[in-house]
Amino acid sequence: RSPSEQCLYKGFPDFILPTSSFFFTLVDKSKVFNTNLIEVLELRNMLHLARAVAYCALHRRESRGGHYREDYPERDDENFLKHTLVWQEGDKLKIEYIDVKIIYHQPAERKY
């Protein structure tokens, strides 16, 4: 099912937990070949990434390529032909957009 703003808002509270609340217990305390540590670091990074992706999806009010939204079924090149930058300040996410510099090929709608 394609997300809508209502659906994204419903699921987003799961992602707005302060990242400082991400707490994991290491079972393996070894300093060499510690796969438990690697798995915990990967999980933490995936949670950070999922939070950023959900935040960006909530703010991008258009459909583009494989990123379809029921409530915004059309592309919006005027407002969203941009690169999305997201970063964390404290426990809050910040978002900024920079224009895409089109050099060779003009973007076109994908027709499936």
N, C-alpha and C. Protein backbone atom coordinates (compact mmCIF):
# COMPACT_ATOMS: atom_id res chain seq x y z
N ARG A 1 0.83 -1.18 0.00
CA ARG A 1 0.00 0.00 0.00
C ARG A 1 0.88 1.24 0.00
N SER A 2 0.51 2.22 -0.76
CA SER A 2 1.26 3.46 -0.86
C SER A 2 0.98 4.34 0.35
N PRO A 3 2.00 5.02 0.85
CA PRO A 3 1.77 5.86 2.01
C PRO A 3 1.02 7.14 1.68
N SER A 4 0.29 7.61 2.65
CA SER A 4 -0.35 8.91 2.57
C SER A 4 0.15 9.69 3.78
N GLU A 5 -0.14 10.98 3.81
CA GLU A 5 0.31 11.79 4.93
C GLU A 5 -0.24 11.25 6.25
N GLN A 6 -1.51 10.84 6.23
CA GLN A 6 -2.13 10.29 7.44
C GLN A 6 -1.39 9.03 7.89
N CYS A 7 -1.07 8.18 6.95
CA CYS A 7 -0.35 6.94 7.25
C CYS A 7 1.05 7.25 7.79
N LEU A 8 1.73 8.21 7.17
CA LEU A 8 3.07 8.58 7.62
C LEU A 8 3.04 9.18 9.02
N TYR A 9 2.06 10.04 9.29
CA TYR A 9 1.94 10.63 10.62
C TYR A 9 1.62 9.57 11.67
N LYS A 10 0.85 8.58 11.27
CA LYS A 10 0.49 7.51 12.19
C LYS A 10 1.73 6.69 12.57
N GLY A 11 2.59 6.41 11.61
CA GLY A 11 3.78 5.61 11.86
C GLY A 11 4.97 6.39 12.38
N PHE A 12 5.00 7.70 12.12
CA PHE A 12 6.18 8.47 12.46
C PHE A 12 6.48 8.53 13.95
N PRO A 13 5.49 8.54 14.86
CA PRO A 13 5.86 8.58 16.29
C PRO A 13 6.81 7.47 16.71
N ASP A 14 6.76 6.35 16.01
CA ASP A 14 7.71 5.27 16.32
C ASP A 14 9.14 5.69 16.01
N PHE A 15 9.30 6.69 15.16
CA PHE A 15 10.64 7.12 14.76
C PHE A 15 11.10 8.38 15.46
N ILE A 16 10.24 9.02 16.25
CA ILE A 16 10.66 10.29 16.85
C ILE A 16 11.22 10.11 18.26
N LEU A 17 11.42 8.89 18.66
CA LEU A 17 12.09 8.68 19.93
C LEU A 17 13.45 9.36 19.88
N PRO A 18 13.86 9.99 20.95
CA PRO A 18 15.20 10.57 20.93
C PRO A 18 16.23 9.47 20.69
N THR A 19 17.17 9.75 19.83
CA THR A 19 18.17 8.72 19.52
C THR A 19 19.03 8.42 20.74
N SER A 20 19.05 9.32 21.71
CA SER A 20 19.78 9.03 22.93
C SER A 20 19.10 7.91 23.73
N SER A 21 17.83 7.61 23.39
CA SER A 21 17.14 6.53 24.08
C SER A 21 17.42 5.17 23.46
N PHE A 22 18.14 5.15 22.33
CA PHE A 22 18.54 3.87 21.74
C PHE A 22 19.58 3.25 22.66
N PHE A 23 19.23 2.18 23.31
CA PHE A 23 20.15 1.55 24.25
C PHE A 23 20.17 0.07 23.95
N PHE A 24 21.34 -0.46 23.77
CA PHE A 24 21.51 -1.87 23.46
C PHE A 24 22.51 -2.48 24.42
N THR A 25 22.28 -3.72 24.77
CA THR A 25 23.19 -4.43 25.66
C THR A 25 24.07 -5.36 24.84
N LEU A 26 25.36 -5.27 25.08
CA LEU A 26 26.31 -6.17 24.44
C LEU A 26 26.47 -7.42 25.29
N VAL A 27 26.34 -8.56 24.65
CA VAL A 27 26.54 -9.83 25.34
C VAL A 27 28.01 -10.21 25.26
N ASP A 28 28.58 -10.03 24.09
CA ASP A 28 29.98 -10.39 23.85
C ASP A 28 30.85 -9.19 24.19
N LYS A 29 31.74 -9.33 25.14
CA LYS A 29 32.60 -8.22 25.58
C LYS A 29 34.02 -8.31 25.00
N SER A 30 34.26 -9.27 24.09
CA SER A 30 35.60 -9.44 23.55
C SER A 30 36.00 -8.25 22.69
N LYS A 31 37.28 -8.04 22.56
CA LYS A 31 37.79 -6.91 21.79
C LYS A 31 38.22 -7.31 20.37
N VAL A 32 38.18 -8.60 20.07
CA VAL A 32 38.58 -9.09 18.76
C VAL A 32 37.43 -9.87 18.14
N PHE A 33 37.13 -9.60 16.86
CA PHE A 33 36.07 -10.29 16.13
C PHE A 33 34.74 -10.28 16.89
N ASN A 34 34.39 -9.13 17.40
CA ASN A 34 33.17 -9.00 18.20
C ASN A 34 31.99 -8.75 17.26
N THR A 35 31.39 -9.83 16.77
CA THR A 35 30.27 -9.69 15.84
C THR A 35 29.04 -9.11 16.52
N ASN A 36 28.90 -9.32 17.82
CA ASN A 36 27.77 -8.73 18.55
C ASN A 36 27.85 -7.20 18.51
N LEU A 37 29.03 -6.66 18.70
CA LEU A 37 29.23 -5.21 18.63
C LEU A 37 28.91 -4.68 17.24
N ILE A 38 29.36 -5.38 16.22
CA ILE A 38 29.08 -4.97 14.83
C ILE A 38 27.58 -4.97 14.58
N GLU A 39 26.88 -6.01 15.02
CA GLU A 39 25.43 -6.08 14.82
C GLU A 39 24.70 -4.96 15.56
N VAL A 40 25.13 -4.62 16.75
CA VAL A 40 24.51 -3.54 17.51
C VAL A 40 24.74 -2.20 16.81
N LEU A 41 25.96 -1.97 16.33
CA LEU A 41 26.25 -0.72 15.61
C LEU A 41 25.44 -0.64 14.32
N GLU A 42 25.31 -1.75 13.59
CA GLU A 42 24.51 -1.76 12.37
C GLU A 42 23.04 -1.49 12.67
N LEU A 43 22.51 -2.08 13.73
CA LEU A 43 21.12 -1.84 14.10
C LEU A 43 20.90 -0.37 14.47
N ARG A 44 21.81 0.19 15.25
CA ARG A 44 21.70 1.60 15.61
C ARG A 44 21.70 2.49 14.36
N ASN A 45 22.60 2.20 13.44
CA ASN A 45 22.68 2.98 12.20
C ASN A 45 21.41 2.82 11.36
N MET A 46 20.86 1.60 11.30
CA MET A 46 19.62 1.39 10.54
C MET A 46 18.45 2.15 11.16
N LEU A 47 18.40 2.23 12.49
CA LEU A 47 17.34 2.99 13.15
C LEU A 47 17.46 4.49 12.84
N HIS A 48 18.69 4.99 12.85
CA HIS A 48 18.91 6.39 12.48
C HIS A 48 18.47 6.64 11.04
N LEU A 49 18.83 5.73 10.14
CA LEU A 49 18.47 5.88 8.74
C LEU A 49 16.96 5.78 8.53
N ALA A 50 16.29 4.84 9.20
CA ALA A 50 14.84 4.70 9.07
C ALA A 50 14.14 5.97 9.55
N ARG A 51 14.64 6.56 10.59
CA ARG A 51 14.07 7.80 11.12
C ARG A 51 14.21 8.93 10.09
N ALA A 52 15.38 9.04 9.47
CA ALA A 52 15.61 10.08 8.47
C ALA A 52 14.74 9.86 7.23
N VAL A 53 14.62 8.62 6.78
CA VAL A 53 13.82 8.32 5.59
C VAL A 53 12.35 8.65 5.84
N ALA A 54 11.83 8.25 7.01
CA ALA A 54 10.43 8.54 7.34
C ALA A 54 10.20 10.04 7.43
N TYR A 55 11.14 10.77 8.00
CA TYR A 55 11.03 12.22 8.14
C TYR A 55 11.01 12.89 6.76
N CYS A 56 11.88 12.46 5.87
CA CYS A 56 11.93 13.02 4.52
C CYS A 56 10.67 12.68 3.73
N ALA A 57 10.18 11.44 3.87
CA ALA A 57 8.96 11.04 3.16
C ALA A 57 7.78 11.88 3.62
N LEU A 58 7.75 12.23 4.88
CA LEU A 58 6.67 13.04 5.42
C LEU A 58 6.68 14.45 4.84
N HIS A 59 7.87 14.96 4.56
CA HIS A 59 7.99 16.33 4.07
C HIS A 59 7.94 16.46 2.55
N ARG A 60 8.11 15.37 1.83
CA ARG A 60 8.08 15.43 0.36
C ARG A 60 6.67 15.17 -0.10
N ARG A 61 6.00 16.21 -0.51
CA ARG A 61 4.58 16.11 -0.88
C ARG A 61 4.42 15.98 -2.40
N GLU A 62 4.84 14.84 -2.89
CA GLU A 62 4.74 14.52 -4.31
C GLU A 62 4.99 13.02 -4.49
N SER A 63 4.76 12.54 -5.70
CA SER A 63 5.16 11.19 -6.08
C SER A 63 6.27 11.33 -7.11
N ARG A 64 7.29 10.50 -6.99
CA ARG A 64 8.40 10.54 -7.93
C ARG A 64 8.96 9.14 -8.08
N GLY A 65 8.92 8.62 -9.30
CA GLY A 65 9.45 7.29 -9.54
C GLY A 65 8.76 6.24 -8.68
N GLY A 66 9.55 5.48 -7.96
CA GLY A 66 9.02 4.43 -7.11
C GLY A 66 8.47 4.95 -5.78
N HIS A 67 8.62 6.24 -5.52
CA HIS A 67 8.14 6.83 -4.27
C HIS A 67 6.77 7.45 -4.51
N TYR A 68 5.75 6.63 -4.39
CA TYR A 68 4.39 7.05 -4.71
C TYR A 68 3.63 7.37 -3.43
N ARG A 69 2.89 8.46 -3.45
CA ARG A 69 2.01 8.81 -2.34
C ARG A 69 0.59 8.95 -2.86
N GLU A 70 -0.35 8.31 -2.17
CA GLU A 70 -1.75 8.36 -2.58
C GLU A 70 -2.30 9.77 -2.57
N ASP A 71 -1.88 10.56 -1.60
CA ASP A 71 -2.42 11.91 -1.45
C ASP A 71 -1.76 12.94 -2.38
N TYR A 72 -0.64 12.59 -2.99
CA TYR A 72 0.04 13.45 -3.97
C TYR A 72 0.47 12.58 -5.14
N PRO A 73 -0.46 12.23 -6.03
CA PRO A 73 -0.15 11.25 -7.08
C PRO A 73 0.74 11.78 -8.21
N GLU A 74 0.94 13.08 -8.30
CA GLU A 74 1.70 13.66 -9.41
C GLU A 74 3.07 14.15 -8.95
N ARG A 75 3.98 14.25 -9.92
CA ARG A 75 5.28 14.88 -9.67
C ARG A 75 5.08 16.37 -9.46
N ASP A 76 6.01 16.97 -8.75
CA ASP A 76 5.97 18.41 -8.53
C ASP A 76 7.39 18.94 -8.70
N ASP A 77 7.82 19.06 -9.98
CA ASP A 77 9.18 19.51 -10.25
C ASP A 77 9.44 20.93 -9.77
N GLU A 78 8.40 21.74 -9.74
CA GLU A 78 8.59 23.13 -9.32
C GLU A 78 9.05 23.21 -7.86
N ASN A 79 8.49 22.37 -7.00
CA ASN A 79 8.83 22.44 -5.58
C ASN A 79 9.77 21.34 -5.10
N PHE A 80 9.86 20.22 -5.84
CA PHE A 80 10.62 19.09 -5.32
C PHE A 80 11.65 18.51 -6.27
N LEU A 81 12.02 19.22 -7.33
CA LEU A 81 13.15 18.76 -8.13
C LEU A 81 14.40 19.25 -7.41
N LYS A 82 14.65 18.64 -6.27
CA LYS A 82 15.70 19.06 -5.36
C LYS A 82 16.31 17.84 -4.68
N HIS A 83 17.54 18.02 -4.21
CA HIS A 83 18.17 17.03 -3.36
C HIS A 83 17.72 17.30 -1.93
N THR A 84 17.44 16.26 -1.18
CA THR A 84 17.03 16.41 0.21
C THR A 84 18.21 16.14 1.11
N LEU A 85 18.49 17.08 1.99
CA LEU A 85 19.54 16.91 2.99
C LEU A 85 18.87 16.83 4.35
N VAL A 86 19.25 15.86 5.13
CA VAL A 86 18.68 15.73 6.48
C VAL A 86 19.83 15.45 7.44
N TRP A 87 19.76 16.08 8.60
CA TRP A 87 20.78 15.87 9.61
C TRP A 87 20.13 16.00 10.98
N GLN A 88 20.88 15.59 11.97
CA GLN A 88 20.37 15.60 13.33
C GLN A 88 21.09 16.67 14.15
N GLU A 89 20.31 17.47 14.85
CA GLU A 89 20.85 18.43 15.82
C GLU A 89 20.23 18.09 17.17
N GLY A 90 21.03 17.62 18.08
CA GLY A 90 20.49 17.11 19.35
C GLY A 90 19.65 15.89 19.04
N ASP A 91 18.40 15.90 19.45
CA ASP A 91 17.50 14.79 19.15
C ASP A 91 16.52 15.13 18.04
N LYS A 92 16.67 16.30 17.42
CA LYS A 92 15.73 16.73 16.38
C LYS A 92 16.38 16.59 15.01
N LEU A 93 15.54 16.26 14.02
CA LEU A 93 16.00 16.19 12.64
C LEU A 93 15.74 17.53 11.96
N LYS A 94 16.67 17.94 11.13
CA LYS A 94 16.54 19.16 10.33
C LYS A 94 16.58 18.75 8.86
N ILE A 95 15.85 19.50 8.05
CA ILE A 95 15.78 19.17 6.62
C ILE A 95 16.05 20.43 5.81
N GLU A 96 16.73 20.23 4.69
CA GLU A 96 17.03 21.33 3.78
C GLU A 96 17.05 20.76 2.37
N TYR A 97 16.78 21.59 1.41
CA TYR A 97 16.77 21.16 0.01
C TYR A 97 17.77 22.01 -0.77
N ILE A 98 18.43 21.37 -1.74
CA ILE A 98 19.26 22.12 -2.68
C ILE A 98 18.82 21.74 -4.09
N ASP A 99 18.85 22.71 -4.98
CA ASP A 99 18.38 22.48 -6.35
C ASP A 99 19.24 21.46 -7.07
N VAL A 100 18.61 20.72 -7.94
CA VAL A 100 19.30 19.77 -8.81
C VAL A 100 19.84 20.56 -10.00
N LYS A 101 21.10 20.35 -10.32
CA LYS A 101 21.69 20.99 -11.50
C LYS A 101 21.58 20.02 -12.66
N ILE A 102 20.72 20.35 -13.61
CA ILE A 102 20.49 19.48 -14.75
C ILE A 102 21.49 19.84 -15.83
N ILE A 103 22.34 18.89 -16.19
CA ILE A 103 23.41 19.16 -17.15
C ILE A 103 23.10 18.53 -18.51
N TYR A 104 22.71 17.27 -18.54
CA TYR A 104 22.57 16.57 -19.81
C TYR A 104 21.13 16.25 -20.20
N HIS A 105 20.39 15.63 -19.33
CA HIS A 105 19.07 15.13 -19.68
C HIS A 105 17.99 15.77 -18.82
N GLN A 106 16.96 16.25 -19.46
CA GLN A 106 15.83 16.81 -18.72
C GLN A 106 15.06 15.67 -18.07
N PRO A 107 14.64 15.86 -16.84
CA PRO A 107 13.87 14.80 -16.19
C PRO A 107 12.52 14.61 -16.87
N ALA A 108 12.06 13.38 -16.87
CA ALA A 108 10.77 13.06 -17.49
C ALA A 108 10.04 12.08 -16.59
N GLU A 109 8.73 12.10 -16.67
CA GLU A 109 7.90 11.21 -15.89
C GLU A 109 8.11 9.77 -16.37
N ARG A 110 8.21 8.86 -15.43
CA ARG A 110 8.31 7.44 -15.78
C ARG A 110 6.93 6.92 -16.10
N LYS A 111 6.83 6.22 -17.20
CA LYS A 111 5.55 5.62 -17.61
C LYS A 111 5.73 4.10 -17.54
N TYR A 112 4.96 3.46 -16.68
CA TYR A 112 5.08 2.00 -16.52
C TYR A 112 3.99 1.30 -17.28
